[in-house]
PDB file of N, CA and C in Angstrom:
ATOM      1  N   MET A   1      90.338 105.674 119.153  1.00  0.00           N
ATOM      2  CA  MET A   1      91.601 105.167 118.809  1.00  0.00           C
ATOM      3  C   MET A   1      91.690 103.732 117.895  1.00  0.00           C
ATOM      4  N   ALA A   2      90.686 103.014 117.679  1.00  0.00           N
ATOM      5  CA  ALA A   2      90.709 101.588 116.990  1.00  0.00           C
ATOM      6  C   ALA A   2      90.708 102.217 115.640  1.00  0.00           C
ATOM      7  N   VAL A   3      89.795 103.242 115.520  1.00  0.00           N
ATOM      8  CA  VAL A   3      89.631 103.341 114.076  1.00  0.00           C
ATOM      9  C   VAL A   3      91.035 104.117 113.249  1.00  0.00           C
ATOM     10  N   PHE A   4      91.606 104.886 113.940  1.00  0.00           N
ATOM     11  CA  PHE A   4      92.881 105.296 113.807  1.00  0.00           C
ATOM     12  C   PHE A   4      94.009 104.155 113.355  1.00  0.00           C
ATOM     13  N   PHE A   5      93.802 103.037 114.368  1.00  0.00           N
ATOM     14  CA  PHE A   5      94.902 101.710 114.254  1.00  0.00           C
ATOM     15  C   PHE A   5      94.422 101.116 112.978  1.00  0.00           C
ATOM     16  N   GLY A   6      93.378 101.057 112.717  1.00  0.00           N
ATOM     17  CA  GLY A   6      93.086 100.435 111.297  1.00  0.00           C
ATOM     18  C   GLY A   6      93.207 100.682 110.105  1.00  0.00           C
ATOM     19  N   ASN A   7      93.004 102.299 110.212  1.00  0.00           N
ATOM     20  CA  ASN A   7      93.452 103.298 109.018  1.00  0.00           C
ATOM     21  C   ASN A   7      95.040 103.203 108.913  1.00  0.00           C
ATOM     22  N   GLN A   8      95.965 103.387 110.024  1.00  0.00           N
ATOM     23  CA  GLN A   8      97.097 103.398 110.235  1.00  0.00           C
ATOM     24  C   GLN A   8      97.627 101.473 109.429  1.00  0.00           C
ATOM     25  N   VAL A   9      97.012 100.494 109.713  1.00  0.00           N
ATOM     26  CA  VAL A   9      97.358  99.282 109.249  1.00  0.00           C
ATOM     27  C   VAL A   9      97.040  99.301 107.924  1.00  0.00           C
ATOM     28  N   PHE A  10      96.097  99.824 107.455  1.00  0.00           N
ATOM     29  CA  PHE A  10      95.559  99.675 105.925  1.00  0.00           C
ATOM     30  C   PHE A  10      96.598 100.567 105.398  1.00  0.00           C
ATOM     31  N   VAL A  11      96.960 101.643 105.290  1.00  0.00           N
ATOM     32  CA  VAL A  11      97.963 102.349 104.751  1.00  0.00           C
ATOM     33  C   VAL A  11      99.542 101.477 104.695  1.00  0.00           C
ATOM     34  N   TYR A  12      99.551 101.267 105.677  1.00  0.00           N
ATOM     35  CA  TYR A  12     100.971 101.007 105.847  1.00  0.00           C
ATOM     36  C   TYR A  12     101.166  99.305 105.009  1.00  0.00           C
ATOM     37  N   SER A  13     100.035  98.571 105.199  1.00  0.00           N
ATOM     38  CA  SER A  13      99.919  97.355 104.342  1.00  0.00           C
ATOM     39  C   SER A  13      99.765  97.633 102.921  1.00  0.00           C
ATOM     40  N   THR A  14      98.978  98.843 102.451  1.00  0.00           N
ATOM     41  CA  THR A  14      98.945  99.325 101.021  1.00  0.00           C
ATOM     42  C   THR A  14     100.488  99.615 100.509  1.00  0.00           C
ATOM     43  N   PHE A  15     101.160 100.226 101.400  1.00  0.00           N
ATOM     44  CA  PHE A  15     102.733 100.714 100.988  1.00  0.00           C
ATOM     45  C   PHE A  15     103.703  99.377 100.762  1.00  0.00           C
ATOM     46  N   ILE A  16     103.443  98.564 101.948  1.00  0.00           N
ATOM     47  CA  ILE A  16     104.106  97.337 101.708  1.00  0.00           C
ATOM     48  C   ILE A  16     103.716  96.433 100.111  1.00  0.00           C
ATOM     49  N   ILE A  17     102.407  96.394  99.983  1.00  0.00           N
ATOM     50  CA  ILE A  17     102.111  95.570  98.909  1.00  0.00           C
ATOM     51  C   ILE A  17     102.642  96.271  97.649  1.00  0.00           C
ATOM     52  N   VAL A  18     102.165  97.207  97.290  1.00  0.00           N
ATOM     53  CA  VAL A  18     102.584  98.099  96.499  1.00  0.00           C
ATOM     54  C   VAL A  18     104.296  98.344  96.162  1.00  0.00           C
ATOM     55  N   GLY A  19     104.811  98.472  97.237  1.00  0.00           N
ATOM     56  CA  GLY A  19     106.238  98.350  97.090  1.00  0.00           C
ATOM     57  C   GLY A  19     106.826  97.041  97.045  1.00  0.00           C
ATOM     58  N   LEU A  20     106.207  95.815  97.124  1.00  0.00           N
ATOM     59  CA  LEU A  20     106.738  94.894  96.677  1.00  0.00           C
ATOM     60  C   LEU A  20     106.876  94.327  95.293  1.00  0.00           C
ATOM     61  N   CYS A  21     105.035  94.466  94.866  1.00  0.00           N
ATOM     62  CA  CYS A  21     104.819  94.302  93.791  1.00  0.00           C
ATOM     63  C   CYS A  21     105.954  95.068  92.386  1.00  0.00           C
ATOM     64  N   GLY A  22     105.866  96.524  92.747  1.00  0.00           N
ATOM     65  CA  GLY A  22     106.786  97.251  91.857  1.00  0.00           C
ATOM     66  C   GLY A  22     107.945  96.949  91.872  1.00  0.00           C
ATOM     67  N   ASN A  23     108.420  96.640  93.170  1.00  0.00           N
ATOM     68  CA  ASN A  23     110.001  96.411  92.863  1.00  0.00           C
ATOM     69  C   ASN A  23     110.214  95.070  92.233  1.00  0.00           C
ATOM     70  N   LEU A  24     109.462  94.162  92.528  1.00  0.00           N
ATOM     71  CA  LEU A  24     109.479  92.404  91.945  1.00  0.00           C
ATOM     72  C   LEU A  24     109.489  92.884  90.412  1.00  0.00           C
ATOM     73  N   LEU A  25     108.520  93.635  90.267  1.00  0.00           N
ATOM     74  CA  LEU A  25     108.492  93.792  88.443  1.00  0.00           C
ATOM     75  C   LEU A  25     109.949  94.437  87.992  1.00  0.00           C
ATOM     76  N   ILE A  26     110.351  95.483  88.421  1.00  0.00           N
ATOM     77  CA  ILE A  26     111.471  95.845  87.952  1.00  0.00           C
ATOM     78  C   ILE A  26     112.719  94.876  88.070  1.00  0.00           C
ATOM     79  N   VAL A  27     112.575  94.120  89.020  1.00  0.00           N
ATOM     80  CA  VAL A  27     113.785  92.941  88.979  1.00  0.00           C
ATOM     81  C   VAL A  27     113.343  91.932  88.178  1.00  0.00           C
ATOM     82  N   TRP A  28     112.083  91.810  87.959  1.00  0.00           N
ATOM     83  CA  TRP A  28     112.013  90.578  86.668  1.00  0.00           C
ATOM     84  C   TRP A  28     111.945  91.127  85.329  1.00  0.00           C
ATOM     85  N   ALA A  29     111.824  92.544  85.286  1.00  0.00           N
ATOM     86  CA  ALA A  29     112.320  92.864  83.859  1.00  0.00           C
ATOM     87  C   ALA A  29     113.284  93.036  83.763  1.00  0.00           C
ATOM     88  N   VAL A  30     114.236  93.502  84.255  1.00  0.00           N
ATOM     89  CA  VAL A  30     115.422  93.657  83.857  1.00  0.00           C
ATOM     90  C   VAL A  30     116.068  92.278  84.129  1.00  0.00           C
ATOM     91  N   LEU A  31     116.091  91.346  85.014  1.00  0.00           N
ATOM     92  CA  LEU A  31     116.934  90.122  84.811  1.00  0.00           C
ATOM     93  C   LEU A  31     116.290  88.918  83.629  1.00  0.00           C
ATOM     94  N   GLY A  32     115.015  89.442  83.520  1.00  0.00           N
ATOM     95  CA  GLY A  32     114.533  88.372  82.374  1.00  0.00           C
ATOM     96  C   GLY A  32     114.138  88.709  81.123  1.00  0.00           C
ATOM     97  N   ARG A  33     115.286  89.775  80.714  1.00  0.00           N
ATOM     98  CA  ARG A  33     115.799  89.950  79.343  1.00  0.00           C
ATOM     99  C   ARG A  33     116.861  90.506  79.269  1.00  0.00           C
ATOM    100  N   GLU A  34     117.942  89.771  78.483  1.00  0.00           N
ATOM    101  CA  GLU A  34     118.916  90.132  78.120  1.00  0.00           C
ATOM    102  C   GLU A  34     119.330  91.490  77.577  1.00  0.00           C
ATOM    103  N   ASN A  35     118.641  92.205  76.941  1.00  0.00           N
ATOM    104  CA  ASN A  35     119.179  93.027  76.296  1.00  0.00           C
ATOM    105  C   ASN A  35     118.710  94.460  77.411  1.00  0.00           C
ATOM    106  N   MET A  36     118.194  94.305  78.676  1.00  0.00           N
ATOM    107  CA  MET A  36     117.972  94.999  79.607  1.00  0.00           C
ATOM    108  C   MET A  36     118.941  95.135  80.856  1.00  0.00           C
ATOM    109  N   ARG A  37     120.044  94.116  80.417  1.00  0.00           N
ATOM    110  CA  ARG A  37     120.685  94.218  81.590  1.00  0.00           C
ATOM    111  C   ARG A  37     122.089  95.291  81.237  1.00  0.00           C
ATOM    112  N   THR A  38     122.020  96.615  81.374  1.00  0.00           N
ATOM    113  CA  THR A  38     122.986  97.268  81.228  1.00  0.00           C
ATOM    114  C   THR A  38     123.668  97.706  82.546  1.00  0.00           C
ATOM    115  N   ALA A  39     124.410  98.565  82.467  1.00  0.00           N
ATOM    116  CA  ALA A  39     125.038  98.873  83.667  1.00  0.00           C
ATOM    117  C   ALA A  39     123.893  99.875  84.640  1.00  0.00           C
ATOM    118  N   ARG A  40     123.303 100.774  83.809  1.00  0.00           N
ATOM    119  CA  ARG A  40     122.204 101.442  84.657  1.00  0.00           C
ATOM    120  C   ARG A  40     121.157 100.778  85.289  1.00  0.00           C
ATOM    121  N   ASN A  41     120.752  99.708  84.530  1.00  0.00           N
ATOM    122  CA  ASN A  41     119.718  98.817  84.854  1.00  0.00           C
ATOM    123  C   ASN A  41     119.945  98.200  86.366  1.00  0.00           C
ATOM    124  N   VAL A  42     121.498  97.509  86.089  1.00  0.00           N
ATOM    125  CA  VAL A  42     121.658  96.693  87.024  1.00  0.00           C
ATOM    126  C   VAL A  42     121.746  97.576  88.588  1.00  0.00           C
ATOM    127  N   PHE A  43     122.340  98.943  88.051  1.00  0.00           N
ATOM    128  CA  PHE A  43     122.027  99.528  89.438  1.00  0.00           C
ATOM    129  C   PHE A  43     120.510 100.119  89.742  1.00  0.00           C
ATOM    130  N   ILE A  44     119.802  99.797  88.972  1.00  0.00           N
ATOM    131  CA  ILE A  44     118.367 100.228  89.437  1.00  0.00           C
ATOM    132  C   ILE A  44     117.772  98.666  89.992  1.00  0.00           C
ATOM    133  N   VAL A  45     118.167  97.729  89.368  1.00  0.00           N
ATOM    134  CA  VAL A  45     117.935  96.234  90.188  1.00  0.00           C
ATOM    135  C   VAL A  45     118.414  96.655  91.645  1.00  0.00           C
ATOM    136  N   THR A  46     119.474  97.350  91.433  1.00  0.00           N
ATOM    137  CA  THR A  46     119.875  96.948  93.378  1.00  0.00           C
ATOM    138  C   THR A  46     119.321  97.874  94.116  1.00  0.00           C
ATOM    139  N   LEU A  47     118.796  99.104  93.514  1.00  0.00           N
ATOM    140  CA  LEU A  47     117.665 100.057  94.439  1.00  0.00           C
ATOM    141  C   LEU A  47     116.925  99.149  94.592  1.00  0.00           C
ATOM    142  N   ALA A  48     115.939  98.607  93.998  1.00  0.00           N
ATOM    143  CA  ALA A  48     114.730  97.463  93.911  1.00  0.00           C
ATOM    144  C   ALA A  48     115.325  96.492  95.089  1.00  0.00           C
ATOM    145  N   ILE A  49     115.925  96.005  94.740  1.00  0.00           N
ATOM    146  CA  ILE A  49     116.315  94.851  96.003  1.00  0.00           C
ATOM    147  C   ILE A  49     116.741  95.540  97.520  1.00  0.00           C
ATOM    148  N   SER A  50     117.334  96.722  97.546  1.00  0.00           N
ATOM    149  CA  SER A  50     117.249  97.305  98.671  1.00  0.00           C
ATOM    150  C   SER A  50     116.024  97.717  99.390  1.00  0.00           C
ATOM    151  N   ASP A  51     115.226  98.296  98.168  1.00  0.00           N
ATOM    152  CA  ASP A  51     113.588  98.748  98.666  1.00  0.00           C
ATOM    153  C   ASP A  51     112.696  97.607  99.061  1.00  0.00           C
ATOM    154  N   LEU A  52     112.917  96.465  98.630  1.00  0.00           N
ATOM    155  CA  LEU A  52     112.236  95.193  98.894  1.00  0.00           C
ATOM    156  C   LEU A  52     112.883  94.954 100.172  1.00  0.00           C
ATOM    157  N   VAL A  53     114.079  94.900 100.579  1.00  0.00           N
ATOM    158  CA  VAL A  53     114.498  94.408 102.167  1.00  0.00           C
ATOM    159  C   VAL A  53     113.552  95.464 102.891  1.00  0.00           C
ATOM    160  N   LEU A  54     113.382  96.578 102.410  1.00  0.00           N
ATOM    161  CA  LEU A  54     112.811  97.823 103.170  1.00  0.00           C
ATOM    162  C   LEU A  54     111.458  97.346 103.739  1.00  0.00           C
ATOM    163  N   CYS A  55     110.802  97.317 102.522  1.00  0.00           N
ATOM    164  CA  CYS A  55     109.079  96.896 102.427  1.00  0.00           C
ATOM    165  C   CYS A  55     109.225  95.614 103.345  1.00  0.00           C
ATOM    166  N   VAL A  56     109.969  94.630 103.226  1.00  0.00           N
ATOM    167  CA  VAL A  56     109.825  93.448 103.855  1.00  0.00           C
ATOM    168  C   VAL A  56     109.925  93.401 105.277  1.00  0.00           C
ATOM    169  N   PHE A  57     111.313  94.193 105.797  1.00  0.00           N
ATOM    170  CA  PHE A  57     111.872  93.893 107.368  1.00  0.00           C
ATOM    171  C   PHE A  57     111.217  95.492 107.961  1.00  0.00           C
ATOM    172  N   THR A  58     111.426  96.487 107.435  1.00  0.00           N
ATOM    173  CA  THR A  58     111.710  97.854 108.188  1.00  0.00           C
ATOM    174  C   THR A  58     110.270  98.196 108.022  1.00  0.00           C
ATOM    175  N   MET A  59     109.615  97.962 107.257  1.00  0.00           N
ATOM    176  CA  MET A  59     108.034  98.751 107.197  1.00  0.00           C
ATOM    177  C   MET A  59     107.358  98.043 108.553  1.00  0.00           C
ATOM    178  N   PRO A  60     107.009  96.897 108.283  1.00  0.00           N
ATOM    179  CA  PRO A  60     106.623  95.949 109.334  1.00  0.00           C
ATOM    180  C   PRO A  60     107.112  96.089 110.873  1.00  0.00           C
ATOM    181  N   SER A  61     108.054  96.150 110.970  1.00  0.00           N
ATOM    182  CA  SER A  61     108.641  96.692 112.221  1.00  0.00           C
ATOM    183  C   SER A  61     108.307  97.996 113.096  1.00  0.00           C
ATOM    184  N   THR A  62     108.299  99.154 111.797  1.00  0.00           N
ATOM    185  CA  THR A  62     107.963 100.256 112.311  1.00  0.00           C
ATOM    186  C   THR A  62     106.426 100.522 112.833  1.00  0.00           C
ATOM    187  N   LEU A  63     105.594  99.905 111.755  1.00  0.00           N
ATOM    188  CA  LEU A  63     104.140  99.888 112.243  1.00  0.00           C
ATOM    189  C   LEU A  63     103.998  99.171 113.522  1.00  0.00           C
ATOM    190  N   TRP A  64     104.821  97.839 113.992  1.00  0.00           N
ATOM    191  CA  TRP A  64     104.430  97.339 115.322  1.00  0.00           C
ATOM    192  C   TRP A  64     104.822  98.479 116.012  1.00  0.00           C
ATOM    193  N   GLU A  65     106.111  98.909 116.155  1.00  0.00           N
ATOM    194  CA  GLU A  65     106.945 100.205 117.235  1.00  0.00           C
ATOM    195  C   GLU A  65     105.436 100.954 117.262  1.00  0.00           C
ATOM    196  N   VAL A  66     105.204 101.588 116.348  1.00  0.00           N
ATOM    197  CA  VAL A  66     104.266 103.202 116.207  1.00  0.00           C
ATOM    198  C   VAL A  66     102.663 102.474 117.366  1.00  0.00           C
ATOM    199  N   ARG A  67     102.553 101.421 116.829  1.00  0.00           N
ATOM    200  CA  ARG A  67     101.225 100.645 117.153  1.00  0.00           C
ATOM    201  C   ARG A  67     101.406 100.561 118.818  1.00  0.00           C
ATOM    202  N   SER A  68     102.426 100.071 119.063  1.00  0.00           N
ATOM    203  CA  SER A  68     102.580  99.547 120.780  1.00  0.00           C
ATOM    204  C   SER A  68     103.055 100.592 121.404  1.00  0.00           C
ATOM    205  N   SER A  69     103.662 101.883 120.781  1.00  0.00           N
ATOM    206  CA  SER A  69     104.034 102.880 121.873  1.00  0.00           C
ATOM    207  C   SER A  69     102.604 103.632 121.949  1.00  0.00           C
ATOM    208  N   LEU A  70     101.851 103.522 120.802  1.00  0.00           N
ATOM    209  CA  LEU A  70      99.980 104.766 121.071  1.00  0.00           C
ATOM    210  C   LEU A  70      99.561 103.848 122.196  1.00  0.00           C
ATOM    211  N   SER A  71      99.387 102.468 121.873  1.00  0.00           N
ATOM    212  CA  SER A  71      98.646 101.603 122.576  1.00  0.00           C
ATOM    213  C   SER A  71      99.018 101.896 124.129  1.00  0.00           C
ATOM    214  N   PHE A  72     100.147 102.316 124.230  1.00  0.00           N
ATOM    215  CA  PHE A  72     100.935 102.504 125.790  1.00  0.00           C
ATOM    216  C   PHE A  72     100.208 103.546 126.189  1.00  0.00           C
ATOM    217  N   ARG A  73     100.288 104.652 125.402  1.00  0.00           N
ATOM    218  CA  ARG A  73     100.025 106.434 125.766  1.00  0.00           C
ATOM    219  C   ARG A  73      98.317 106.078 125.799  1.00  0.00           C
ATOM    220  N   GLU A  74      97.511 105.151 125.001  1.00  0.00           N
ATOM    221  CA  GLU A  74      96.212 105.048 125.606  1.00  0.00           C
ATOM    222  C   GLU A  74      96.305 104.738 126.884  1.00  0.00           C
ATOM    223  N   HIS A  75      96.734 103.895 127.658  1.00  0.00           N
ATOM    224  CA  HIS A  75      96.374 103.373 129.002  1.00  0.00           C
ATOM    225  C   HIS A  75      97.170 104.479 129.639  1.00  0.00           C
ATOM    226  N   GLY A  76      97.740 105.511 129.458  1.00  0.00           N
ATOM    227  CA  GLY A  76      98.222 106.300 130.231  1.00  0.00           C
ATOM    228  C   GLY A  76      99.681 106.476 130.620  1.00  0.00           C
ATOM    229  N   GLU A  77     100.401 105.582 130.047  1.00  0.00           N
ATOM    230  CA  GLU A  77     101.894 105.454 130.108  1.00  0.00           C
ATOM    231  C   GLU A  77     102.685 106.299 129.161  1.00  0.00           C
ATOM    232  N   ASN A  78     103.529 106.543 129.558  1.00  0.00           N
ATOM    233  CA  ASN A  78     104.271 107.404 128.479  1.00  0.00           C
ATOM    234  C   ASN A  78     105.722 106.618 128.381  1.00  0.00           C
TER     235      ASN A  78
END
């Protein structure tokens, strides 16, 4: 079971880091250049910000919840 936990942490961490980097690049590219500030790109920035919030708050708490529920099952509790 320890190998599964290690893989799960690695995959979640990879998703979090890639999501953070990609969305920060989008926000930086659009807000950093005045000619990129169109209505469409501002909408994309709001989507990137909401995805940043998801990566920072939701994904780590989901990982924690899944890991804790699996560790309880490992000890025979449901």
